[in-house]
């Protein structure tokens, strides 16, 4: 096999590797740009979970006035 073909194949493989790396970096950058939107959704989800927990706690407190020995439910606020 002539020398030129081996060099050509190596160059082709190297160019393919570099292209894959560029594509990978581009996808990573795109995910970084989308990430702030995801964190807002997580905050909304946390707030919704807290509201549901408070609503459930309120349901348990409905009959608490009738029972004098009933423990009070305390919800921590940050």
N, C-alpha and C. Protein backbone atom coordinates (compact mmCIF):
# COMPACT_ATOMS: atom_id res chain seq x y z
N UNK A 1 0.86 -1.18 0.00
CA UNK A 1 0.00 0.00 0.00
C UNK A 1 0.90 1.24 0.00
N UNK A 2 0.60 2.20 -0.85
CA UNK A 2 1.42 3.41 -0.91
C UNK A 2 1.29 4.26 0.35
N UNK A 3 2.31 5.02 0.63
CA UNK A 3 2.33 5.86 1.83
C UNK A 3 1.22 6.91 1.82
N UNK A 4 0.92 7.47 0.71
CA UNK A 4 -0.05 8.55 0.62
C UNK A 4 -1.42 8.17 1.12
N UNK A 5 -1.83 6.94 0.88
CA UNK A 5 -3.16 6.49 1.30
C UNK A 5 -3.27 6.45 2.83
N UNK A 6 -2.22 5.97 3.48
CA UNK A 6 -2.22 5.91 4.94
C UNK A 6 -2.34 7.30 5.54
N UNK A 7 -1.59 8.23 5.01
CA UNK A 7 -1.64 9.60 5.51
C UNK A 7 -3.01 10.21 5.27
N UNK A 8 -3.58 9.94 4.10
CA UNK A 8 -4.91 10.45 3.78
C UNK A 8 -5.95 9.91 4.76
N UNK A 9 -5.90 8.61 5.06
CA UNK A 9 -6.86 8.00 6.00
C UNK A 9 -6.73 8.60 7.39
N UNK A 10 -5.50 8.79 7.82
CA UNK A 10 -5.29 9.40 9.14
C UNK A 10 -5.85 10.81 9.19
N UNK A 11 -5.63 11.55 8.11
CA UNK A 11 -6.13 12.93 8.06
C UNK A 11 -7.65 12.94 8.07
N UNK A 12 -8.27 12.02 7.34
CA UNK A 12 -9.74 11.91 7.32
C UNK A 12 -10.27 11.60 8.71
N UNK A 13 -9.64 10.64 9.39
CA UNK A 13 -10.07 10.28 10.75
C UNK A 13 -9.92 11.46 11.71
N UNK A 14 -8.82 12.19 11.58
CA UNK A 14 -8.59 13.35 12.44
C UNK A 14 -9.62 14.44 12.19
N UNK A 15 -9.95 14.69 10.93
CA UNK A 15 -10.96 15.69 10.61
C UNK A 15 -12.33 15.28 11.15
N UNK A 16 -12.66 13.98 11.05
CA UNK A 16 -13.93 13.50 11.59
C UNK A 16 -13.97 13.68 13.11
N UNK A 17 -12.83 13.38 13.77
CA UNK A 17 -12.76 13.54 15.22
C UNK A 17 -12.96 14.99 15.62
N UNK A 18 -12.31 15.90 14.90
CA UNK A 18 -12.44 17.32 15.21
C UNK A 18 -13.87 17.80 14.99
N UNK A 19 -14.52 17.31 13.93
CA UNK A 19 -15.90 17.71 13.67
C UNK A 19 -16.83 17.22 14.77
N UNK A 20 -16.61 15.99 15.23
CA UNK A 20 -17.42 15.47 16.34
C UNK A 20 -17.23 16.33 17.59
N UNK A 21 -15.99 16.73 17.84
CA UNK A 21 -15.70 17.56 19.01
C UNK A 21 -16.40 18.92 18.90
N UNK A 22 -16.38 19.52 17.69
CA UNK A 22 -17.07 20.80 17.50
C UNK A 22 -18.57 20.63 17.72
N UNK A 23 -19.14 19.55 17.18
CA UNK A 23 -20.57 19.30 17.37
C UNK A 23 -20.91 19.13 18.86
N UNK A 24 -20.06 18.40 19.54
CA UNK A 24 -20.27 18.17 20.97
C UNK A 24 -20.23 19.49 21.75
N UNK A 25 -19.24 20.32 21.45
CA UNK A 25 -19.14 21.62 22.12
C UNK A 25 -20.34 22.51 21.81
N UNK A 26 -20.82 22.44 20.58
CA UNK A 26 -21.99 23.23 20.19
C UNK A 26 -23.24 22.78 20.96
N UNK A 27 -23.43 21.48 21.08
CA UNK A 27 -24.57 20.96 21.85
C UNK A 27 -24.45 21.36 23.32
N UNK A 28 -23.25 21.30 23.87
CA UNK A 28 -23.03 21.68 25.27
C UNK A 28 -23.37 23.15 25.48
N UNK A 29 -22.95 24.01 24.57
CA UNK A 29 -23.23 25.44 24.68
C UNK A 29 -24.74 25.69 24.58
N UNK A 30 -25.40 24.95 23.71
CA UNK A 30 -26.85 25.12 23.56
C UNK A 30 -27.56 24.71 24.85
N UNK A 31 -27.13 23.62 25.47
CA UNK A 31 -27.75 23.19 26.74
C UNK A 31 -27.52 24.24 27.83
N UNK A 32 -26.34 24.86 27.84
CA UNK A 32 -26.06 25.89 28.84
C UNK A 32 -26.99 27.07 28.68
N UNK A 33 -27.30 27.44 27.43
CA UNK A 33 -28.21 28.55 27.19
C UNK A 33 -29.63 28.21 27.63
N UNK A 34 -30.02 26.96 27.51
CA UNK A 34 -31.37 26.55 27.89
C UNK A 34 -31.50 26.33 29.39
N UNK A 35 -30.41 26.15 30.09
CA UNK A 35 -30.44 25.81 31.52
C UNK A 35 -31.16 26.85 32.39
N UNK A 36 -30.96 28.17 32.22
CA UNK A 36 -31.66 29.11 33.09
C UNK A 36 -33.18 28.96 33.05
N UNK A 37 -33.73 28.63 31.89
CA UNK A 37 -35.17 28.41 31.81
C UNK A 37 -35.58 27.21 32.65
N UNK A 38 -34.75 26.19 32.66
CA UNK A 38 -35.05 25.00 33.45
C UNK A 38 -35.04 25.29 34.93
N UNK A 39 -34.14 26.16 35.40
CA UNK A 39 -34.08 26.46 36.82
C UNK A 39 -35.31 27.24 37.26
N UNK A 40 -35.86 28.07 36.37
CA UNK A 40 -37.09 28.79 36.69
C UNK A 40 -38.23 27.79 36.86
N UNK A 41 -38.29 26.80 35.99
CA UNK A 41 -39.33 25.77 36.10
C UNK A 41 -39.20 25.01 37.40
N UNK A 42 -37.96 24.76 37.84
CA UNK A 42 -37.75 24.06 39.10
C UNK A 42 -38.25 24.91 40.26
N UNK A 43 -38.05 26.21 40.20
CA UNK A 43 -38.55 27.10 41.26
C UNK A 43 -40.07 27.09 41.28
N UNK A 44 -40.69 27.13 40.10
CA UNK A 44 -42.15 27.07 40.03
C UNK A 44 -42.66 25.75 40.61
N UNK A 45 -41.96 24.67 40.30
CA UNK A 45 -42.38 23.36 40.81
C UNK A 45 -42.24 23.31 42.32
N UNK A 46 -41.16 23.86 42.87
CA UNK A 46 -40.96 23.88 44.32
C UNK A 46 -42.04 24.71 44.99
N UNK A 47 -42.38 25.85 44.39
CA UNK A 47 -43.43 26.69 44.96
C UNK A 47 -44.78 25.97 44.94
N UNK A 48 -45.05 25.29 43.84
CA UNK A 48 -46.31 24.54 43.73
C UNK A 48 -46.38 23.43 44.78
N UNK A 49 -45.26 22.73 44.97
CA UNK A 49 -45.23 21.66 45.98
C UNK A 49 -45.46 22.24 47.38
N UNK A 50 -44.87 23.40 47.66
CA UNK A 50 -45.04 24.04 48.97
C UNK A 50 -46.50 24.43 49.18
N UNK A 51 -47.13 24.98 48.12
CA UNK A 51 -48.53 25.38 48.23
C UNK A 51 -49.43 24.16 48.47
N UNK A 52 -49.14 23.08 47.79
CA UNK A 52 -49.92 21.86 48.00
C UNK A 52 -49.74 21.33 49.42
N UNK A 53 -48.52 21.40 49.93
CA UNK A 53 -48.26 20.94 51.29
C UNK A 53 -49.01 21.81 52.31
N UNK A 54 -49.02 23.12 52.07
CA UNK A 54 -49.74 24.02 52.97
C UNK A 54 -51.24 23.75 52.92
N UNK A 55 -51.76 23.47 51.73
CA UNK A 55 -53.19 23.16 51.60
C UNK A 55 -53.52 21.87 52.33
N UNK A 56 -52.65 20.90 52.21
CA UNK A 56 -52.88 19.63 52.91
C UNK A 56 -52.81 19.84 54.42
N UNK A 57 -51.85 20.64 54.87
CA UNK A 57 -51.73 20.92 56.29
C UNK A 57 -52.98 21.65 56.79
N UNK A 58 -53.54 22.53 55.97
CA UNK A 58 -54.76 23.25 56.36
C UNK A 58 -55.92 22.27 56.52
N UNK A 59 -55.97 21.25 55.68
CA UNK A 59 -57.03 20.24 55.82
C UNK A 59 -56.93 19.52 57.15
N UNK A 60 -55.71 19.25 57.58
CA UNK A 60 -55.53 18.57 58.86
C UNK A 60 -55.85 19.49 60.03
N UNK A 61 -55.73 20.79 59.86
CA UNK A 61 -56.02 21.74 60.94
C UNK A 61 -57.50 22.04 61.08
N UNK A 62 -58.35 21.58 60.15
CA UNK A 62 -59.77 21.92 60.18
C UNK A 62 -60.41 21.47 61.48
N UNK A 63 -60.16 20.26 61.95
CA UNK A 63 -60.78 19.76 63.18
C UNK A 63 -59.93 19.99 64.40
N UNK A 64 -58.85 20.72 64.31
CA UNK A 64 -57.93 20.89 65.43
C UNK A 64 -58.56 21.72 66.56
N UNK A 65 -59.54 22.58 66.26
CA UNK A 65 -60.17 23.39 67.30
C UNK A 65 -60.99 22.54 68.26
N UNK A 66 -61.53 21.42 67.78
CA UNK A 66 -62.35 20.54 68.61
C UNK A 66 -61.52 19.74 69.59
N UNK A 67 -60.27 19.46 69.25
CA UNK A 67 -59.41 18.65 70.10
C UNK A 67 -58.35 19.54 70.77
N UNK A 68 -58.44 19.74 72.07
CA UNK A 68 -57.50 20.64 72.74
C UNK A 68 -56.07 20.09 72.80
N UNK A 69 -55.90 18.76 72.77
CA UNK A 69 -54.57 18.17 72.90
C UNK A 69 -53.90 17.93 71.54
N UNK A 70 -54.51 18.41 70.47
CA UNK A 70 -53.95 18.18 69.14
C UNK A 70 -52.68 19.01 68.94
N UNK A 71 -51.63 18.40 68.41
CA UNK A 71 -50.39 19.16 68.16
C UNK A 71 -50.56 20.12 67.00
N UNK A 72 -49.86 21.24 67.09
CA UNK A 72 -49.93 22.22 66.01
C UNK A 72 -48.96 21.86 64.93
N UNK A 73 -49.39 22.07 63.69
CA UNK A 73 -48.50 21.85 62.57
C UNK A 73 -47.78 23.15 62.24
N UNK A 74 -46.46 23.09 62.14
CA UNK A 74 -45.68 24.27 61.86
C UNK A 74 -45.03 24.07 60.50
N UNK A 75 -45.20 25.05 59.65
CA UNK A 75 -44.55 25.00 58.33
C UNK A 75 -43.41 25.98 58.31
N UNK A 76 -42.20 25.51 58.03
CA UNK A 76 -41.05 26.42 58.02
C UNK A 76 -41.05 27.29 56.78
N UNK A 77 -40.68 28.53 56.94
CA UNK A 77 -40.59 29.47 55.82
C UNK A 77 -39.15 29.94 55.72
N UNK A 78 -38.62 29.95 54.51
CA UNK A 78 -37.21 30.36 54.33
C UNK A 78 -37.15 31.81 53.96
